[in-house]
Amino acid sequence: MSTPQLEDDCASPKPLRRQPTQRRSARRVERMLDACAELLDEVGYEGLSTTRIADRAGVAIGSVYQFFPDKRAITQELTRRNVELFVTRVGRRFMEEDYRGWWDAVDAIIDEYVDMHRSVPGFKSVHFGDVVDLNLLDSASDNNTVIAGRLRELLLTEFGLADSHELDVAALVAVEAGDAVLKLAFRHDPGGSEEIIDAARQLVRGFLSRQLRSYTPQPD
């Protein structure tokens, strides 16, 4: 998919102009992000505008510009929220559920990705920002590298895998491959093709099992 023309293009991500310090301001920013998510699903990034976001959120356009310079910055902040939600959901499952090993944890990670795709407004439109900018989360690293790093930390903490360059590469390749196949699952089926989702599980687990043999159970 080609990258759409950006509103007020810039070479590096723009943060919030200022962080909301009062609860009322924080709620207003959340409404803007919610409005952005809904509109992305309805009209896509090219049809998105700060005016539409303000109208949908029920705020004055000046309130939008108080916190965000343009629609790209709002989409960036929505992407950050998606990432935090994803990592929080995965982390909660790791705390609440017992896994035999990392292979079950990988299934849980894929489950959360699929569920967010089905239920979180805006997620199917921007995922982790790649539709807008491959460096939306970090100007020095592409988005999937950032995601791989976050998930790698979860696996290190939960399963005590040895920190190594090989683990870095394995996590990045698994995220890239899984992300591509899971997007394919939703490309022509809004609910996600279960057959292709299952293929994504097999692909990721098969690859990681070859890279992390010492953490994979051997057959009896």
C-alpha atoms as a PDB file:
ATOM      1  CA  MET A   1       0.000   0.000   0.000  1.00  0.00           C
ATOM      2  CA  SER A   2       1.392   3.385  -0.917  1.00  0.00           C
ATOM      3  CA  THR A   3       1.756   6.020   1.778  1.00  0.00           C
ATOM      4  CA  PRO A   4      -1.020   8.649   1.408  1.00  0.00           C
ATOM      5  CA  GLN A   5      -0.171  12.314   1.033  1.00  0.00           C
ATOM      6  CA  LEU A   6       0.276  13.706   4.502  1.00  0.00           C
ATOM      7  CA  GLU A   7      -1.330  16.892   5.795  1.00  0.00           C
ATOM      8  CA  ASP A   8       1.526  19.268   6.729  1.00  0.00           C
ATOM      9  CA  ASP A   9       4.189  16.699   5.831  1.00  0.00           C
ATOM     10  CA  CYS A  10       7.293  16.572   7.969  1.00  0.00           C
ATOM     11  CA  ALA A  11      10.340  14.350   8.131  1.00  0.00           C
ATOM     12  CA  SER A  12      10.050  13.252  11.755  1.00  0.00           C
ATOM     13  CA  PRO A  13       7.183  12.460  14.145  1.00  0.00           C
ATOM     14  CA  LYS A  14       5.553  15.371  15.979  1.00  0.00           C
ATOM     15  CA  PRO A  15       4.632  14.856  19.639  1.00  0.00           C
ATOM     16  CA  LEU A  16       1.742  16.481  21.410  1.00  0.00           C
ATOM     17  CA  ARG A  17       2.271  20.231  21.516  1.00  0.00           C
ATOM     18  CA  ARG A  18       1.725  19.996  25.236  1.00  0.00           C
ATOM     19  CA  GLN A  19       0.594  17.327  27.648  1.00  0.00           C
ATOM     20  CA  PRO A  20      -2.857  17.832  29.168  1.00  0.00           C
ATOM     21  CA  THR A  21      -2.407  18.576  32.860  1.00  0.00           C
ATOM     22  CA  GLN A  22      -6.052  18.691  33.969  1.00  0.00           C
ATOM     23  CA  ARG A  23      -8.547  15.857  33.891  1.00  0.00           C
ATOM     24  CA  ARG A  24     -10.907  17.875  31.712  1.00  0.00           C
ATOM     25  CA  SER A  25      -8.162  18.509  29.149  1.00  0.00           C
ATOM     26  CA  ALA A  26      -7.111  14.851  29.205  1.00  0.00           C
ATOM     27  CA  ARG A  27     -10.708  13.764  28.524  1.00  0.00           C
ATOM     28  CA  ARG A  28     -10.897  16.239  25.640  1.00  0.00           C
ATOM     29  CA  VAL A  29      -7.736  14.794  24.091  1.00  0.00           C
ATOM     30  CA  GLU A  30      -9.154  11.282  24.479  1.00  0.00           C
ATOM     31  CA  ARG A  31     -12.319  12.378  22.665  1.00  0.00           C
ATOM     32  CA  MET A  32     -10.172  13.713  19.820  1.00  0.00           C
ATOM     33  CA  LEU A  33      -8.340  10.404  19.595  1.00  0.00           C
ATOM     34  CA  ASP A  34     -11.619   8.473  19.681  1.00  0.00           C
ATOM     35  CA  ALA A  35     -12.990  10.697  16.921  1.00  0.00           C
ATOM     36  CA  CYS A  36      -9.848  10.199  14.860  1.00  0.00           C
ATOM     37  CA  ALA A  37     -10.171   6.409  15.236  1.00  0.00           C
ATOM     38  CA  GLU A  38     -13.822   6.388  14.148  1.00  0.00           C
ATOM     39  CA  LEU A  39     -13.172   8.630  11.153  1.00  0.00           C
ATOM     40  CA  LEU A  40     -10.196   6.568  10.004  1.00  0.00           C
ATOM     41  CA  ASP A  41     -12.482   3.539   9.780  1.00  0.00           C
ATOM     42  CA  GLU A  42     -15.158   5.550   7.971  1.00  0.00           C
ATOM     43  CA  VAL A  43     -13.252   7.773   5.531  1.00  0.00           C
ATOM     44  CA  GLY A  44      -9.619   6.630   5.678  1.00  0.00           C
ATOM     45  CA  TYR A  45      -6.526   8.733   6.279  1.00  0.00           C
ATOM     46  CA  GLU A  46      -6.903  10.749   3.071  1.00  0.00           C
ATOM     47  CA  GLY A  47     -10.432  11.785   4.078  1.00  0.00           C
ATOM     48  CA  LEU A  48      -9.373  12.680   7.604  1.00  0.00           C
ATOM     49  CA  SER A  49      -9.036  16.347   8.616  1.00  0.00           C
ATOM     50  CA  THR A  50      -8.633  18.286  11.827  1.00  0.00           C
ATOM     51  CA  THR A  51     -11.999  19.970  11.161  1.00  0.00           C
ATOM     52  CA  ARG A  52     -13.752  16.605  10.925  1.00  0.00           C
ATOM     53  CA  ILE A  53     -12.034  15.416  14.081  1.00  0.00           C
ATOM     54  CA  ALA A  54     -13.108  18.553  15.974  1.00  0.00           C
ATOM     55  CA  ASP A  55     -16.719  18.181  14.784  1.00  0.00           C
ATOM     56  CA  ARG A  56     -16.887  14.496  15.718  1.00  0.00           C
ATOM     57  CA  ALA A  57     -15.254  15.078  19.114  1.00  0.00           C
ATOM     58  CA  GLY A  58     -17.542  18.019  19.873  1.00  0.00           C
ATOM     59  CA  VAL A  59     -14.687  20.443  20.489  1.00  0.00           C
ATOM     60  CA  ALA A  60     -13.658  23.741  18.943  1.00  0.00           C
ATOM     61  CA  ILE A  61     -11.013  23.541  16.216  1.00  0.00           C
ATOM     62  CA  GLY A  62      -8.832  25.727  18.428  1.00  0.00           C
ATOM     63  CA  SER A  63      -8.869  23.000  21.054  1.00  0.00           C
ATOM     64  CA  VAL A  64      -7.466  20.562  18.509  1.00  0.00           C
ATOM     65  CA  TYR A  65      -4.633  22.920  17.565  1.00  0.00           C
ATOM     66  CA  GLN A  66      -3.961  23.571  21.235  1.00  0.00           C
ATOM     67  CA  PHE A  67      -2.669  20.008  21.475  1.00  0.00           C
ATOM     68  CA  PHE A  68      -1.968  18.839  17.908  1.00  0.00           C
ATOM     69  CA  PRO A  69      -0.404  20.644  14.935  1.00  0.00           C
ATOM     70  CA  ASP A  70      -2.112  18.509  12.256  1.00  0.00           C
ATOM     71  CA  LYS A  71      -3.950  15.265  11.525  1.00  0.00           C
ATOM     72  CA  ARG A  72      -0.689  13.352  11.280  1.00  0.00           C
ATOM     73  CA  ALA A  73       0.175  14.201  14.877  1.00  0.00           C
ATOM     74  CA  ILE A  74      -3.282  13.065  16.043  1.00  0.00           C
ATOM     75  CA  THR A  75      -2.880   9.800  14.155  1.00  0.00           C
ATOM     76  CA  GLN A  76       0.576   9.399  15.677  1.00  0.00           C
ATOM     77  CA  GLU A  77      -0.840   9.816  19.186  1.00  0.00           C
ATOM     78  CA  LEU A  78      -3.633   7.351  18.362  1.00  0.00           C
ATOM     79  CA  THR A  79      -0.962   4.899  17.234  1.00  0.00           C
ATOM     80  CA  ARG A  80       0.925   5.364  20.504  1.00  0.00           C
ATOM     81  CA  ARG A  81      -2.307   4.669  22.366  1.00  0.00           C
ATOM     82  CA  ASN A  82      -2.820   1.504  20.310  1.00  0.00           C
ATOM     83  CA  VAL A  83       0.683   0.315  21.141  1.00  0.00           C
ATOM     84  CA  GLU A  84       0.229   0.969  24.848  1.00  0.00           C
ATOM     85  CA  LEU A  85      -3.155  -0.777  24.817  1.00  0.00           C
ATOM     86  CA  PHE A  86      -1.699  -3.755  22.977  1.00  0.00           C
ATOM     87  CA  VAL A  87       1.259  -4.131  25.327  1.00  0.00           C
ATOM     88  CA  THR A  88      -0.987  -3.622  28.383  1.00  0.00           C
ATOM     89  CA  ARG A  89      -3.444  -6.275  27.194  1.00  0.00           C
ATOM     90  CA  VAL A  90      -0.661  -8.747  26.482  1.00  0.00           C
ATOM     91  CA  GLY A  91       0.987  -7.981  29.819  1.00  0.00           C
ATOM     92  CA  ARG A  92      -2.306  -8.514  31.664  1.00  0.00           C
ATOM     93  CA  ARG A  93      -2.738 -11.915  30.034  1.00  0.00           C
ATOM     94  CA  PHE A  94       0.805 -12.858  30.998  1.00  0.00           C
ATOM     95  CA  MET A  95      -0.032 -12.030  34.620  1.00  0.00           C
ATOM     96  CA  GLU A  96      -3.405 -13.765  34.686  1.00  0.00           C
ATOM     97  CA  GLU A  97      -2.648 -16.911  32.685  1.00  0.00           C
ATOM     98  CA  ASP A  98      -0.123 -19.709  33.130  1.00  0.00           C
ATOM     99  CA  TYR A  99       1.777 -20.721  30.009  1.00  0.00           C
ATOM    100  CA  ARG A 100       3.759 -23.893  29.428  1.00  0.00           C
ATOM    101  CA  GLY A 101       6.281 -21.819  27.519  1.00  0.00           C
ATOM    102  CA  TRP A 102       6.833 -18.967  25.103  1.00  0.00           C
ATOM    103  CA  TRP A 103       4.934 -20.816  22.340  1.00  0.00           C
ATOM    104  CA  ASP A 104       1.665 -20.411  24.279  1.00  0.00           C
ATOM    105  CA  ALA A 105       2.568 -16.790  24.974  1.00  0.00           C
ATOM    106  CA  VAL A 106       2.970 -16.210  21.228  1.00  0.00           C
ATOM    107  CA  ASP A 107      -0.566 -17.513  20.696  1.00  0.00           C
ATOM    108  CA  ALA A 108      -1.812 -15.064  23.343  1.00  0.00           C
ATOM    109  CA  ILE A 109      -0.025 -12.186  21.598  1.00  0.00           C
ATOM    110  CA  ILE A 110      -1.622 -13.105  18.273  1.00  0.00           C
ATOM    111  CA  ASP A 111      -5.023 -13.437  19.986  1.00  0.00           C
ATOM    112  CA  GLU A 112      -4.754  -9.865  21.280  1.00  0.00           C
ATOM    113  CA  TYR A 113      -3.691  -8.508  17.876  1.00  0.00           C
ATOM    114  CA  VAL A 114      -6.653 -10.222  16.210  1.00  0.00           C
ATOM    115  CA  ASP A 115      -9.113  -9.072  18.867  1.00  0.00           C
ATOM    116  CA  MET A 116      -7.919  -5.465  18.615  1.00  0.00           C
ATOM    117  CA  HIS A 117      -8.289  -5.644  14.842  1.00  0.00           C
ATOM    118  CA  ARG A 118     -11.894  -6.773  15.314  1.00  0.00           C
ATOM    119  CA  SER A 119     -12.943  -4.556  18.207  1.00  0.00           C
ATOM    120  CA  VAL A 120     -10.775  -1.429  18.628  1.00  0.00           C
ATOM    121  CA  PRO A 121     -11.895   1.507  16.438  1.00  0.00           C
ATOM    122  CA  GLY A 122      -9.159   2.775  14.138  1.00  0.00           C
ATOM    123  CA  PHE A 123      -6.815  -0.172  14.694  1.00  0.00           C
ATOM    124  CA  LYS A 124      -7.647  -1.882  11.406  1.00  0.00           C
ATOM    125  CA  SER A 125      -6.955   1.390   9.603  1.00  0.00           C
ATOM    126  CA  VAL A 126      -3.550   2.299  11.065  1.00  0.00           C
ATOM    127  CA  HIS A 127      -2.430  -0.839  12.939  1.00  0.00           C
ATOM    128  CA  PHE A 128       0.789   0.423  14.512  1.00  0.00           C
ATOM    129  CA  GLY A 129       1.146   3.419  12.221  1.00  0.00           C
ATOM    130  CA  ASP A 130       2.465   1.834   9.028  1.00  0.00           C
ATOM    131  CA  VAL A 131      -0.324   3.245   6.862  1.00  0.00           C
ATOM    132  CA  VAL A 132       0.836   6.771   7.686  1.00  0.00           C
ATOM    133  CA  ASP A 133       4.573   6.517   8.301  1.00  0.00           C
ATOM    134  CA  LEU A 134       6.909   3.566   8.872  1.00  0.00           C
ATOM    135  CA  ASN A 135       8.796   5.680  11.425  1.00  0.00           C
ATOM    136  CA  LEU A 136       5.740   7.049  13.183  1.00  0.00           C
ATOM    137  CA  LEU A 137       6.667   5.744  16.639  1.00  0.00           C
ATOM    138  CA  ASP A 138      10.391   6.457  16.578  1.00  0.00           C
ATOM    139  CA  SER A 139      12.293   8.530  14.035  1.00  0.00           C
ATOM    140  CA  ALA A 140      15.308   6.195  14.339  1.00  0.00           C
ATOM    141  CA  SER A 141      13.496   2.837  14.111  1.00  0.00           C
ATOM    142  CA  ASP A 142      10.620   1.583  12.010  1.00  0.00           C
ATOM    143  CA  ASN A 143       7.377   0.786  13.792  1.00  0.00           C
ATOM    144  CA  ASN A 144       7.673  -3.001  13.783  1.00  0.00           C
ATOM    145  CA  THR A 145      11.166  -2.735  15.282  1.00  0.00           C
ATOM    146  CA  VAL A 146       9.654  -0.741  18.161  1.00  0.00           C
ATOM    147  CA  ILE A 147       6.850  -3.312  18.592  1.00  0.00           C
ATOM    148  CA  ALA A 148       9.329  -6.200  18.447  1.00  0.00           C
ATOM    149  CA  GLY A 149      11.391  -4.545  21.169  1.00  0.00           C
ATOM    150  CA  ARG A 150       8.371  -4.152  23.455  1.00  0.00           C
ATOM    151  CA  LEU A 151       7.270  -7.769  22.966  1.00  0.00           C
ATOM    152  CA  ARG A 152      10.847  -9.014  23.328  1.00  0.00           C
ATOM    153  CA  GLU A 153      10.983  -7.349  26.758  1.00  0.00           C
ATOM    154  CA  LEU A 154       7.781  -9.118  27.785  1.00  0.00           C
ATOM    155  CA  LEU A 155       9.206 -12.480  26.741  1.00  0.00           C
ATOM    156  CA  LEU A 156      12.522 -11.801  28.478  1.00  0.00           C
ATOM    157  CA  THR A 157      10.770 -10.848  31.707  1.00  0.00           C
ATOM    158  CA  GLU A 158       8.275 -13.718  31.649  1.00  0.00           C
ATOM    159  CA  PHE A 159      10.428 -16.606  30.440  1.00  0.00           C
ATOM    160  CA  GLY A 160      13.983 -15.547  31.263  1.00  0.00           C
ATOM    161  CA  LEU A 161      15.301 -15.997  27.739  1.00  0.00           C
ATOM    162  CA  ALA A 162      18.941 -15.054  27.362  1.00  0.00           C
ATOM    163  CA  ASP A 163      19.298 -11.532  26.015  1.00  0.00           C
ATOM    164  CA  SER A 164      21.165 -11.702  22.721  1.00  0.00           C
ATOM    165  CA  HIS A 165      21.427 -10.298  19.205  1.00  0.00           C
ATOM    166  CA  GLU A 166      19.904 -13.541  17.936  1.00  0.00           C
ATOM    167  CA  LEU A 167      16.817 -12.952  20.078  1.00  0.00           C
ATOM    168  CA  ASP A 168      16.547  -9.401  18.707  1.00  0.00           C
ATOM    169  CA  VAL A 169      16.586 -10.697  15.133  1.00  0.00           C
ATOM    170  CA  ALA A 170      14.175 -13.542  15.911  1.00  0.00           C
ATOM    171  CA  ALA A 171      11.655 -11.175  17.538  1.00  0.00           C
ATOM    172  CA  LEU A 172      11.829  -8.691  14.665  1.00  0.00           C
ATOM    173  CA  VAL A 173      11.414 -11.320  11.939  1.00  0.00           C
ATOM    174  CA  ALA A 174       8.530 -12.935  13.847  1.00  0.00           C
ATOM    175  CA  VAL A 175       6.748  -9.581  14.205  1.00  0.00           C
ATOM    176  CA  GLU A 176       7.281  -8.656  10.537  1.00  0.00           C
ATOM    177  CA  ALA A 177       6.114 -12.046   9.267  1.00  0.00           C
ATOM    178  CA  GLY A 178       3.172 -12.329  11.635  1.00  0.00           C
ATOM    179  CA  ASP A 179       2.057  -8.764  10.939  1.00  0.00           C
ATOM    180  CA  ALA A 180       2.095  -9.314   7.167  1.00  0.00           C
ATOM    181  CA  VAL A 181       0.116 -12.571   7.293  1.00  0.00           C
ATOM    182  CA  LEU A 182      -2.406 -11.245   9.828  1.00  0.00           C
ATOM    183  CA  LYS A 183      -3.053  -8.204   7.614  1.00  0.00           C
ATOM    184  CA  LEU A 184      -3.687 -10.643   4.770  1.00  0.00           C
ATOM    185  CA  ALA A 185      -6.249 -12.422   6.969  1.00  0.00           C
ATOM    186  CA  PHE A 186      -8.277  -9.193   7.226  1.00  0.00           C
ATOM    187  CA  ARG A 187      -7.694  -7.872   3.709  1.00  0.00           C
ATOM    188  CA  HIS A 188     -10.795  -9.433   2.182  1.00  0.00           C
ATOM    189  CA  ASP A 189     -12.592 -10.650   5.304  1.00  0.00           C
ATOM    190  CA  PRO A 190     -13.565  -7.918   7.825  1.00  0.00           C
ATOM    191  CA  GLY A 191     -13.785 -10.546  10.561  1.00  0.00           C
ATOM    192  CA  GLY A 192     -10.456 -12.111   9.670  1.00  0.00           C
ATOM    193  CA  SER A 193      -9.980 -15.445   7.913  1.00  0.00           C
ATOM    194  CA  GLU A 194      -9.521 -18.078  10.625  1.00  0.00           C
ATOM    195  CA  GLU A 195      -7.597 -20.231   8.161  1.00  0.00           C
ATOM    196  CA  ILE A 196      -5.032 -17.493   7.512  1.00  0.00           C
ATOM    197  CA  ILE A 197      -4.895 -16.487  11.201  1.00  0.00           C
ATOM    198  CA  ASP A 198      -4.058 -20.122  12.021  1.00  0.00           C
ATOM    199  CA  ALA A 199      -1.403 -20.072   9.285  1.00  0.00           C
ATOM    200  CA  ALA A 200       0.118 -16.984  10.928  1.00  0.00           C
ATOM    201  CA  ARG A 201       0.318 -18.844  14.247  1.00  0.00           C
ATOM    202  CA  GLN A 202       2.038 -21.794  12.606  1.00  0.00           C
ATOM    203  CA  LEU A 203       4.446 -19.548  10.719  1.00  0.00           C
ATOM    204  CA  VAL A 204       5.538 -17.584  13.791  1.00  0.00           C
ATOM    205  CA  ARG A 205       5.728 -20.571  16.110  1.00  0.00           C
ATOM    206  CA  GLY A 206       7.608 -22.634  13.549  1.00  0.00           C
ATOM    207  CA  PHE A 207      10.161 -19.899  12.922  1.00  0.00           C
ATOM    208  CA  LEU A 208      10.728 -19.111  16.601  1.00  0.00           C
ATOM    209  CA  SER A 209      10.980 -22.784  17.540  1.00  0.00           C
ATOM    210  CA  ARG A 210      13.922 -23.088  15.161  1.00  0.00           C
ATOM    211  CA  GLN A 211      15.552 -19.949  16.566  1.00  0.00           C
ATOM    212  CA  LEU A 212      14.866 -20.695  20.251  1.00  0.00           C
ATOM    213  CA  ARG A 213      15.430 -24.455  20.358  1.00  0.00           C
ATOM    214  CA  SER A 214      16.715 -24.416  23.937  1.00  0.00           C
ATOM    215  CA  TYR A 215      13.371 -23.000  25.089  1.00  0.00           C
ATOM    216  CA  THR A 216      11.222 -25.349  23.030  1.00  0.00           C
ATOM    217  CA  PRO A 217      10.048 -28.710  24.418  1.00  0.00           C
ATOM    218  CA  GLN A 218      11.491 -31.696  22.576  1.00  0.00           C
ATOM    219  CA  PRO A 219       9.242 -34.621  21.595  1.00  0.00           C
ATOM    220  CA  ASP A 220       9.323 -37.661  23.881  1.00  0.00           C
END
